[in-house]
Amino acid sequence: MELRPGAGFDPNAGGANCGYVQHMQQPALTRLLVRNARSQKFLKAAGGWTKEAEAAWNFPNPVNAIHTCMAKGLRQVELVVRFEGDSGDRRLVVNCR
């Protein structure tokens, strides 16, 4: 079996050595906040900080959140994330340098 740019992919081609790839749906990201690890305050869209998660900047994706941290020179922050169906938030420690 040959894969070339622009060539279609047939999951049934290639015989027994070619496994079937099933696309699994990922849960939707419903919350993505940046929190200062020391003060526990959340970053606001206007650039300030708040204790209230509801008033914080909810980023559309992790790339935007990390880029913002790097552009603002923020260090020792956490990404606070929640996915659809989660009962609580997940924390990811980020050290932007």
Protein backbone atom coordinates (compact mmCIF):
# COMPACT_ATOMS: atom_id res chain seq x y z
CA MET A 1 0.00 0.00 0.00
CA GLU A 2 1.31 3.43 -0.91
CA LEU A 3 0.24 6.67 0.76
CA ARG A 4 0.87 9.82 -1.22
CA PRO A 5 -0.09 13.44 -0.52
CA GLY A 6 -3.58 13.94 -1.86
CA ALA A 7 -4.24 10.21 -2.19
CA GLY A 8 -7.38 8.86 -0.57
CA PHE A 9 -7.04 6.43 2.31
CA ASP A 10 -9.01 3.20 2.23
CA PRO A 11 -9.01 1.50 5.66
CA ASN A 12 -9.79 -1.81 3.97
CA ALA A 13 -6.79 -1.67 1.65
CA GLY A 14 -3.53 -3.39 2.48
CA GLY A 15 -4.84 -6.68 3.76
CA ALA A 16 -4.60 -8.03 7.32
CA ASN A 17 -1.67 -5.79 8.29
CA CYS A 18 -3.70 -2.63 7.89
CA GLY A 19 -5.68 -1.86 11.06
CA TYR A 20 -8.99 -0.06 11.06
CA VAL A 21 -8.73 3.43 12.53
CA GLN A 22 -11.82 4.68 14.28
CA HIS A 23 -12.18 8.39 15.01
CA MET A 24 -13.12 8.86 18.65
CA GLN A 25 -14.95 12.01 19.59
CA GLN A 26 -13.22 14.09 22.28
CA PRO A 27 -15.32 15.75 24.98
CA ALA A 28 -15.82 19.47 24.41
CA LEU A 29 -13.66 21.91 26.36
CA THR A 30 -16.04 24.06 28.39
CA ARG A 31 -13.58 26.03 30.55
CA LEU A 32 -9.96 27.08 30.05
CA LEU A 33 -8.65 29.66 32.50
CA VAL A 34 -5.19 30.88 33.52
CA ARG A 35 -4.59 31.05 37.28
CA ASN A 36 -1.59 32.46 39.13
CA ALA A 37 -0.18 29.52 41.12
CA ARG A 38 0.85 31.73 44.06
CA SER A 39 -2.08 34.11 44.46
CA GLN A 40 -4.70 31.66 43.12
CA LYS A 41 -6.25 34.56 41.14
CA PHE A 42 -7.48 34.16 37.58
CA LEU A 43 -6.44 36.24 34.57
CA LYS A 44 -9.11 38.58 33.21
CA ALA A 45 -9.45 39.55 29.54
CA ALA A 46 -8.66 43.16 30.45
CA GLY A 47 -5.32 42.02 31.87
CA GLY A 48 -6.03 42.21 35.59
CA TRP A 49 -6.60 39.43 38.07
CA THR A 50 -9.73 38.24 39.85
CA LYS A 51 -10.58 35.74 42.59
CA GLU A 52 -13.79 34.82 40.75
CA ALA A 53 -13.51 32.13 38.08
CA GLU A 54 -16.73 33.38 36.46
CA ALA A 55 -15.10 36.79 35.82
CA ALA A 56 -11.94 35.26 34.31
CA TRP A 57 -10.94 35.09 30.65
CA ASN A 58 -12.21 31.79 29.21
CA PHE A 59 -9.71 30.98 26.44
CA PRO A 60 -10.88 29.20 23.27
CA ASN A 61 -7.96 26.71 23.29
CA PRO A 62 -4.69 25.87 25.09
CA VAL A 63 -2.50 27.44 22.40
CA ASN A 64 -4.11 30.86 22.94
CA ALA A 65 -3.79 30.52 26.72
CA ILE A 66 -0.10 29.56 26.62
CA HIS A 67 0.71 32.21 24.00
CA THR A 68 -0.93 34.86 26.20
CA CYS A 69 1.10 33.72 29.22
CA MET A 70 4.31 33.92 27.22
CA ALA A 71 3.46 37.32 25.72
CA LYS A 72 2.68 38.75 29.17
CA GLY A 73 5.78 37.16 30.74
CA LEU A 74 3.67 35.20 33.22
CA ARG A 75 5.44 32.49 35.17
CA GLN A 76 4.19 29.84 37.55
CA VAL A 77 0.65 29.69 36.28
CA GLU A 78 -1.87 26.91 36.00
CA LEU A 79 -4.28 26.16 33.22
CA VAL A 80 -7.62 25.34 34.80
CA VAL A 81 -9.63 23.18 32.41
CA ARG A 82 -13.01 21.52 32.44
CA PHE A 83 -14.43 19.22 29.79
CA GLU A 84 -18.06 18.52 29.06
CA GLY A 85 -19.24 15.90 31.53
CA ASP A 86 -16.56 16.69 34.16
CA SER A 87 -17.75 17.24 37.71
CA GLY A 88 -14.73 19.39 38.57
CA ASP A 89 -11.80 21.32 37.17
CA ARG A 90 -8.43 19.86 36.16
CA ARG A 91 -5.19 21.77 36.77
CA LEU A 92 -2.15 21.79 34.50
CA VAL A 93 0.96 23.52 35.88
CA VAL A 94 2.70 25.66 33.25
CA ASN A 95 6.02 27.47 33.60
CA CYS A 96 6.27 29.86 30.64
CA ARG A 97 9.82 31.05 30.01
